[in-house]
Amino acid sequence: MSQGVRTRPEGSGQPLSEAYDTALLDLDGVVYAGGSAIAHAVDSLAVARSGGMRLAYVTNNALRTPDTVAAHLTELGIPTGADDVITSAQAVARLISEQVPAGARVLVIGGEGLRVALRERGLVPVESADDDPAAVVQGYGGPDLPWGRFAEASYAVRRGVPWFASNTDLTIPSGRGIAPGNGAAVEVVRIATGAEPQVAGKPLPPMHRETIIRTGAKRPLVVGDRLDTDIEGAFNGEVDSLLVLTGVTDGAQLLAAPPQHRPTYVDADLRGLLTGQPEVTGDGAGFRCGGWTATAGADRLELTGDGEAPDGLRALCAAAWTAAGEGSCTLDGGKALARLGL
């Protein structure tokens, strides 16, 4: 990763699948949406894999086991083994195992993914605060997790039992829209106890450490659709990142991104793995990419020219991020983004 504050997306003369040895791919919004593969994902990943790039799938969702995730991906046409999947459940289980004795009991507030990960680390999942747990762990347990589970966690945490969370994502995508995520459940216990959990998932270092341990990556590329988990996680891990526009992040959010949320590369979808990345040239007088030129005016961003939409967005990022420096760009980019259909 380049040192200092990033002021523009970088270029790459090589296809990204050749420049990096491992892609650390987020799932929802990158590979699939609502359970179905995103356009171009299956073919793009197949080409990247055939060229020698290792593909690893990194998810903050602690509900499903790696076997279940791998089976789903395989059904979509993306051959995947369980050892290609890294979950926040695995990251938090390792974090707990480093702080409690081997064979210790852990109160589980969540689903099967957490239980499997704890057993993998030699810990014993239990269901009650009265089972003498050495730790409490909270992870997404699905929409039908009983309210009483939060009370069970609260009883143990109030007794001084160390509290861990797989992640604190406030929302999670579903087939019907956006639903409360594990972060919302964590807030319930936080309000009841006044305590703070140790958190393992993206964007925090325990999750990045888990992916490196399990993949052995020497030059990884984080691929994601969320600025506050995927891209910030790459920033914290000091590795490069590719933002794809198939998920939750829109153009306005990208232009306003503070330094820790600015990706190394930006592309429309996973086809971006298979190509080089165009360089953004220019300075404060105008930033150019493809056929586009972007400038920062007194109160808004301006875009002139024509060409591919991602090139225009890259030029706008350079204008916005340069103007913002170490902050968030507040210039109006709505008209410029509308020209790109974003």
Protein backbone atom coordinates (compact mmCIF):
# COMPACT_ATOMS: atom_id res chain seq x y z
CA MET A 1 0.00 0.00 0.00
CA SER A 2 1.26 3.49 -0.79
CA GLN A 3 2.33 5.54 2.20
CA GLY A 4 0.60 8.77 3.17
CA VAL A 5 -2.87 10.00 2.35
CA ARG A 6 -4.29 8.53 -0.85
CA THR A 7 -5.45 11.30 -3.19
CA ARG A 8 -6.37 9.22 -6.26
CA PRO A 9 -7.03 5.62 -7.31
CA GLU A 10 -3.84 3.96 -8.50
CA GLY A 11 -3.11 2.53 -11.91
CA SER A 12 -1.71 -0.92 -12.65
CA GLY A 13 0.10 -1.98 -15.80
CA GLN A 14 -0.59 -5.63 -14.96
CA PRO A 15 -3.93 -7.37 -14.54
CA LEU A 16 -4.68 -7.35 -10.83
CA SER A 17 -4.95 -11.15 -10.89
CA GLU A 18 -1.27 -11.23 -11.83
CA ALA A 19 -0.07 -8.38 -9.63
CA TYR A 20 -1.43 -10.02 -6.44
CA ASP A 21 -1.16 -13.63 -5.29
CA THR A 22 -4.43 -13.81 -3.35
CA ALA A 23 -7.81 -12.12 -3.62
CA LEU A 24 -9.53 -11.71 -0.25
CA LEU A 25 -13.09 -11.42 -1.47
CA ASP A 26 -16.09 -10.19 0.44
CA LEU A 27 -19.21 -12.18 -0.45
CA ASP A 28 -22.52 -10.29 -0.32
CA GLY A 29 -22.43 -7.44 -2.82
CA VAL A 30 -19.24 -8.71 -4.46
CA VAL A 31 -19.75 -12.37 -5.41
CA TYR A 32 -23.49 -12.75 -4.85
CA ALA A 33 -26.56 -10.76 -3.88
CA GLY A 34 -29.66 -12.30 -2.36
CA GLY A 35 -28.12 -15.74 -2.86
CA SER A 36 -27.62 -15.37 -6.64
CA ALA A 37 -24.31 -14.73 -8.36
CA ILE A 38 -23.63 -11.14 -9.39
CA ALA A 39 -23.17 -10.56 -13.12
CA HIS A 40 -19.67 -11.46 -14.36
CA ALA A 41 -18.60 -12.86 -10.96
CA VAL A 42 -18.51 -16.56 -11.85
CA ASP A 43 -16.61 -16.13 -15.12
CA SER A 44 -14.21 -13.53 -13.76
CA LEU A 45 -13.27 -15.63 -10.75
CA ALA A 46 -12.76 -18.70 -12.94
CA VAL A 47 -10.31 -16.80 -15.16
CA ALA A 48 -8.46 -15.34 -12.18
CA ARG A 49 -8.15 -18.80 -10.59
CA SER A 50 -6.98 -20.42 -13.80
CA GLY A 51 -4.23 -17.79 -14.04
CA GLY A 52 -2.86 -18.78 -10.62
CA MET A 53 -4.53 -16.34 -8.27
CA ARG A 54 -5.74 -17.87 -5.01
CA LEU A 55 -9.31 -16.96 -4.14
CA ALA A 56 -10.34 -16.68 -0.51
CA TYR A 57 -13.79 -15.62 0.66
CA VAL A 58 -13.88 -13.43 3.76
CA THR A 59 -17.15 -12.75 5.53
CA ASN A 60 -18.23 -10.99 8.70
CA ASN A 61 -21.30 -13.23 8.88
CA ALA A 62 -20.68 -15.70 11.71
CA LEU A 63 -23.87 -17.70 11.21
CA ARG A 64 -22.88 -20.07 8.43
CA THR A 65 -20.01 -22.54 8.67
CA PRO A 66 -17.21 -22.53 6.09
CA ASP A 67 -18.59 -25.83 4.73
CA THR A 68 -22.00 -24.24 4.17
CA VAL A 69 -20.54 -21.15 2.49
CA ALA A 70 -18.30 -23.28 0.27
CA ALA A 71 -21.23 -25.46 -0.77
CA HIS A 72 -23.27 -22.38 -1.71
CA LEU A 73 -20.46 -20.94 -3.81
CA THR A 74 -19.92 -24.27 -5.51
CA GLU A 75 -23.62 -24.42 -6.38
CA LEU A 76 -23.29 -20.99 -7.99
CA GLY A 77 -20.54 -22.33 -10.24
CA ILE A 78 -17.56 -21.18 -8.16
CA PRO A 79 -15.73 -24.34 -6.98
CA THR A 80 -14.79 -23.68 -3.36
CA GLY A 81 -13.47 -25.72 -0.45
CA ALA A 82 -14.12 -25.00 3.22
CA ASP A 83 -10.49 -23.94 3.66
CA ASP A 84 -11.09 -21.15 1.12
CA VAL A 85 -13.62 -19.49 3.46
CA ILE A 86 -12.64 -17.29 6.40
CA THR A 87 -15.36 -16.09 8.76
CA SER A 88 -15.51 -13.65 11.65
CA ALA A 89 -16.49 -16.65 13.79
CA GLN A 90 -13.04 -18.13 13.17
CA ALA A 91 -11.36 -14.81 13.94
CA VAL A 92 -13.21 -14.32 17.22
CA ALA A 93 -12.66 -17.95 18.25
CA ARG A 94 -8.90 -17.49 17.86
CA LEU A 95 -9.08 -14.23 19.81
CA ILE A 96 -10.91 -15.97 22.67
CA SER A 97 -8.55 -18.98 22.65
CA GLU A 98 -5.60 -16.66 23.26
CA GLN A 99 -7.20 -15.34 26.47
CA VAL A 100 -8.84 -18.35 28.13
CA PRO A 101 -7.50 -21.82 29.04
CA ALA A 102 -7.73 -24.72 26.60
CA GLY A 103 -11.02 -26.55 27.00
CA ALA A 104 -12.73 -23.52 28.55
CA ARG A 105 -16.48 -23.08 28.26
CA VAL A 106 -17.80 -20.25 26.11
CA LEU A 107 -21.38 -18.97 26.23
CA VAL A 108 -22.58 -18.74 22.63
CA ILE A 109 -25.13 -16.16 21.53
CA GLY A 110 -25.39 -16.93 17.83
CA GLY A 111 -25.48 -19.77 15.33
CA GLU A 112 -23.70 -22.93 14.26
CA GLY A 113 -20.81 -21.06 12.66
CA LEU A 114 -19.67 -19.85 16.08
CA ARG A 115 -19.98 -23.29 17.67
CA VAL A 116 -17.93 -24.96 14.94
CA ALA A 117 -15.23 -22.28 15.14
CA LEU A 118 -14.98 -22.57 18.92
CA ARG A 119 -14.63 -26.34 18.79
CA GLU A 120 -11.90 -25.94 16.17
CA ARG A 121 -9.92 -23.95 18.75
CA GLY A 122 -10.52 -26.53 21.49
CA LEU A 123 -13.19 -24.56 23.34
CA VAL A 124 -16.55 -25.85 24.59
CA PRO A 125 -19.75 -24.01 23.56
CA VAL A 126 -22.39 -23.70 26.30
CA GLU A 127 -25.87 -22.20 26.35
CA SER A 128 -26.35 -20.69 29.82
CA ALA A 129 -24.71 -18.04 31.97
CA ASP A 130 -25.01 -20.64 34.76
CA ASP A 131 -22.69 -23.06 32.91
CA ASP A 132 -19.62 -21.26 34.36
CA PRO A 133 -18.41 -19.80 31.04
CA ALA A 134 -14.94 -18.26 30.78
CA ALA A 135 -16.15 -15.99 27.97
CA VAL A 136 -19.27 -14.82 26.16
CA VAL A 137 -19.28 -14.60 22.37
CA GLN A 138 -21.93 -12.93 20.27
CA GLY A 139 -22.40 -13.42 16.53
CA TYR A 140 -25.22 -13.13 14.03
CA GLY A 141 -27.74 -15.85 14.83
CA GLY A 142 -30.30 -15.31 12.10
CA PRO A 143 -33.65 -13.52 12.21
CA ASP A 144 -35.19 -16.03 14.61
CA LEU A 145 -32.65 -15.75 17.45
CA PRO A 146 -34.77 -15.65 20.66
CA TRP A 147 -34.75 -12.45 22.69
CA GLY A 148 -33.86 -14.48 25.77
CA ARG A 149 -30.39 -15.14 24.35
CA PHE A 150 -29.53 -11.46 24.83
CA ALA A 151 -30.63 -11.70 28.45
CA GLU A 152 -28.38 -14.75 28.91
CA ALA A 153 -25.41 -12.80 27.57
CA SER A 154 -26.25 -9.86 29.83
CA TYR A 155 -26.35 -12.04 32.95
CA ALA A 156 -22.86 -13.38 32.24
CA VAL A 157 -21.35 -10.06 31.22
CA ARG A 158 -22.71 -8.36 34.34
CA ARG A 159 -20.95 -11.06 36.39
CA GLY A 160 -17.65 -9.95 34.86
CA VAL A 161 -17.29 -12.65 32.19
CA PRO A 162 -15.19 -11.33 29.25
CA TRP A 163 -17.39 -10.45 26.27
CA PHE A 164 -16.47 -10.91 22.61
CA ALA A 165 -18.29 -10.11 19.37
CA SER A 166 -17.66 -11.58 15.95
CA ASN A 167 -18.40 -8.19 14.36
CA THR A 168 -20.47 -5.08 14.88
CA ASP A 169 -22.10 -4.56 11.47
CA LEU A 170 -25.38 -2.84 12.33
CA THR A 171 -27.18 -4.18 9.26
CA ILE A 172 -27.14 -7.24 7.03
CA PRO A 173 -28.59 -7.61 3.51
CA SER A 174 -31.49 -10.01 3.04
CA GLY A 175 -33.66 -11.08 0.15
CA ARG A 176 -36.33 -8.64 1.34
CA GLY A 177 -34.09 -5.66 2.11
CA ILE A 178 -31.80 -4.51 4.90
CA ALA A 179 -32.20 -6.27 8.27
CA PRO A 180 -30.61 -5.72 11.70
CA GLY A 181 -27.15 -7.25 11.89
CA ASN A 182 -25.01 -8.50 14.75
CA GLY A 183 -24.04 -4.95 15.67
CA ALA A 184 -27.66 -4.20 16.51
CA ALA A 185 -27.76 -7.27 18.78
CA VAL A 186 -24.49 -6.23 20.41
CA GLU A 187 -26.05 -2.85 21.19
CA VAL A 188 -28.82 -4.61 23.14
CA VAL A 189 -26.29 -6.24 25.46
CA ARG A 190 -24.19 -3.07 25.65
CA ILE A 191 -27.22 -1.06 26.79
CA ALA A 192 -28.14 -3.70 29.38
CA THR A 193 -24.64 -4.01 30.83
CA GLY A 194 -22.65 -0.86 30.07
CA ALA A 195 -19.81 -3.13 28.96
CA GLU A 196 -17.75 -3.08 25.75
CA PRO A 197 -16.93 -6.26 23.81
CA GLN A 198 -13.68 -7.19 22.14
CA VAL A 199 -14.50 -7.29 18.42
CA ALA A 200 -12.79 -9.50 15.85
CA GLY A 201 -14.44 -8.89 12.45
CA LYS A 202 -13.75 -6.47 9.63
CA PRO A 203 -12.41 -3.81 9.68
CA LEU A 204 -10.39 -4.71 12.79
CA PRO A 205 -6.96 -6.41 12.81
CA PRO A 206 -8.00 -9.84 14.20
CA MET A 207 -9.98 -10.57 11.02
CA HIS A 208 -7.14 -9.54 8.72
CA ARG A 209 -4.71 -11.62 10.76
CA GLU A 210 -7.00 -14.64 10.44
CA THR A 211 -7.13 -14.32 6.66
CA ILE A 212 -3.34 -14.12 6.37
CA ILE A 213 -2.80 -17.07 8.72
CA ARG A 214 -5.26 -19.25 6.81
CA THR A 215 -4.27 -18.26 3.27
CA GLY A 216 -0.55 -17.66 3.62
CA ALA A 217 -0.95 -14.67 1.28
CA LYS A 218 2.22 -12.71 0.57
CA ARG A 219 0.66 -10.01 -1.62
CA PRO A 220 -3.09 -9.97 -0.95
CA LEU A 221 -5.71 -7.78 -2.55
CA VAL A 222 -8.87 -7.10 -0.56
CA VAL A 223 -11.93 -6.98 -2.83
CA GLY A 224 -15.10 -5.51 -1.35
CA ASP A 225 -18.15 -3.31 -1.77
CA ARG A 226 -18.21 -1.61 1.64
CA LEU A 227 -15.98 1.29 2.60
CA ASP A 228 -16.37 0.91 6.37
CA THR A 229 -15.54 -2.81 6.55
CA ASP A 230 -13.74 -4.09 3.45
CA ILE A 231 -11.75 -0.99 2.49
CA GLU A 232 -11.08 0.17 6.04
CA GLY A 233 -10.01 -3.38 6.89
CA ALA A 234 -7.47 -3.29 4.06
CA PHE A 235 -6.28 0.12 5.27
CA ASN A 236 -5.81 -1.21 8.81
CA GLY A 237 -3.98 -4.26 7.46
CA GLU A 238 -1.79 -2.05 5.23
CA VAL A 239 -2.69 -3.96 2.06
CA ASP A 240 -4.19 -2.85 -1.25
CA SER A 241 -7.89 -2.95 -2.06
CA LEU A 242 -10.31 -3.01 -4.97
CA LEU A 243 -13.77 -1.50 -4.53
CA VAL A 244 -16.43 -2.92 -6.84
CA LEU A 245 -19.67 -1.01 -7.44
CA THR A 246 -21.99 -4.03 -7.30
CA GLY A 247 -22.92 -3.62 -3.64
CA VAL A 248 -23.80 -0.96 -1.11
CA THR A 249 -21.31 1.83 -1.88
CA ASP A 250 -22.49 4.49 -4.32
CA GLY A 251 -20.55 7.18 -6.11
CA ALA A 252 -21.37 9.95 -3.63
CA GLN A 253 -20.11 7.89 -0.69
CA LEU A 254 -16.90 7.07 -2.54
CA LEU A 255 -16.19 10.72 -3.37
CA ALA A 256 -16.75 11.69 0.28
CA ALA A 257 -14.53 8.91 1.64
CA PRO A 258 -12.01 9.88 4.33
CA PRO A 259 -8.49 8.46 3.92
CA GLN A 260 -9.16 5.14 5.68
CA HIS A 261 -12.07 4.46 3.30
CA ARG A 262 -10.27 5.22 0.03
CA PRO A 263 -9.60 2.07 -2.04
CA THR A 264 -6.44 1.51 -4.06
CA TYR A 265 -8.50 0.66 -7.15
CA VAL A 266 -12.09 1.22 -8.27
CA ASP A 267 -13.98 -0.82 -10.86
CA ALA A 268 -17.51 -1.66 -11.90
CA ASP A 269 -17.43 -5.36 -11.00
CA LEU A 270 -15.15 -8.38 -10.66
CA ARG A 271 -14.00 -8.09 -14.27
CA GLY A 272 -11.65 -5.51 -12.79
CA LEU A 273 -9.52 -8.38 -11.46
CA LEU A 274 -8.65 -9.43 -14.99
CA THR A 275 -7.37 -6.12 -16.33
CA GLY A 276 -4.85 -3.47 -15.60
CA GLN A 277 -6.13 -0.30 -14.02
CA PRO A 278 -5.95 3.03 -15.91
CA GLU A 279 -3.80 5.73 -14.37
CA VAL A 280 -5.29 9.02 -13.27
CA THR A 281 -3.09 11.89 -14.40
CA GLY A 282 -3.07 15.61 -13.74
CA ASP A 283 -3.16 17.89 -10.73
CA GLY A 284 -5.41 20.49 -9.14
CA ALA A 285 -6.00 22.09 -12.52
CA GLY A 286 -7.70 18.91 -13.72
CA PHE A 287 -7.53 15.16 -13.23
CA ARG A 288 -7.81 12.95 -16.31
CA CYS A 289 -8.73 9.31 -16.78
CA GLY A 290 -9.83 7.84 -20.08
CA GLY A 291 -11.78 10.52 -21.90
CA TRP A 292 -12.81 12.39 -18.74
CA THR A 293 -11.44 15.41 -16.88
CA ALA A 294 -12.54 16.24 -13.33
CA THR A 295 -11.96 19.44 -11.38
CA ALA A 296 -12.91 20.72 -7.94
CA GLY A 297 -14.69 24.06 -8.00
CA ALA A 298 -15.63 26.33 -5.13
CA ASP A 299 -18.69 24.32 -4.15
CA ARG A 300 -18.98 21.38 -6.51
CA LEU A 301 -17.10 18.86 -8.61
CA GLU A 302 -17.07 19.33 -12.37
CA LEU A 303 -16.74 16.64 -15.02
CA THR A 304 -16.14 17.13 -18.73
CA GLY A 305 -15.44 14.75 -21.60
CA ASP A 306 -16.82 11.33 -22.41
CA GLY A 307 -15.94 7.66 -22.07
CA GLU A 308 -16.42 4.71 -19.73
CA ALA A 309 -18.20 5.48 -16.45
CA PRO A 310 -15.52 3.94 -14.17
CA ASP A 311 -12.88 6.20 -15.75
CA GLY A 312 -14.99 9.27 -14.99
CA LEU A 313 -15.46 8.09 -11.41
CA ARG A 314 -11.72 7.57 -10.97
CA ALA A 315 -11.06 11.12 -12.19
CA LEU A 316 -13.73 12.48 -9.83
CA CYS A 317 -12.19 10.55 -6.91
CA ALA A 318 -8.85 12.25 -7.58
CA ALA A 319 -10.45 15.69 -7.63
CA ALA A 320 -12.52 15.03 -4.51
CA TRP A 321 -9.83 13.31 -2.44
CA THR A 322 -7.20 15.90 -3.33
CA ALA A 323 -9.56 18.71 -2.32
CA ALA A 324 -10.45 16.95 0.93
CA GLY A 325 -6.91 16.01 1.97
CA GLU A 326 -7.17 14.20 5.30
CA GLY A 327 -10.89 14.90 5.63
CA SER A 328 -14.07 14.06 3.75
CA CYS A 329 -14.98 15.90 0.57
CA THR A 330 -18.06 18.07 1.01
CA LEU A 331 -18.24 19.37 -2.56
CA ASP A 332 -21.44 18.58 -4.46
CA GLY A 333 -20.75 15.81 -6.96
CA GLY A 334 -24.35 15.05 -7.86
CA LYS A 335 -24.38 16.58 -11.33
CA ALA A 336 -21.05 15.00 -12.25
CA LEU A 337 -22.14 11.59 -11.04
CA ALA A 338 -25.41 11.88 -12.95
CA ARG A 339 -23.39 12.22 -16.16
CA LEU A 340 -21.89 8.80 -15.36
CA GLY A 341 -25.23 7.23 -14.48
CA LEU A 342 -24.05 6.75 -10.88
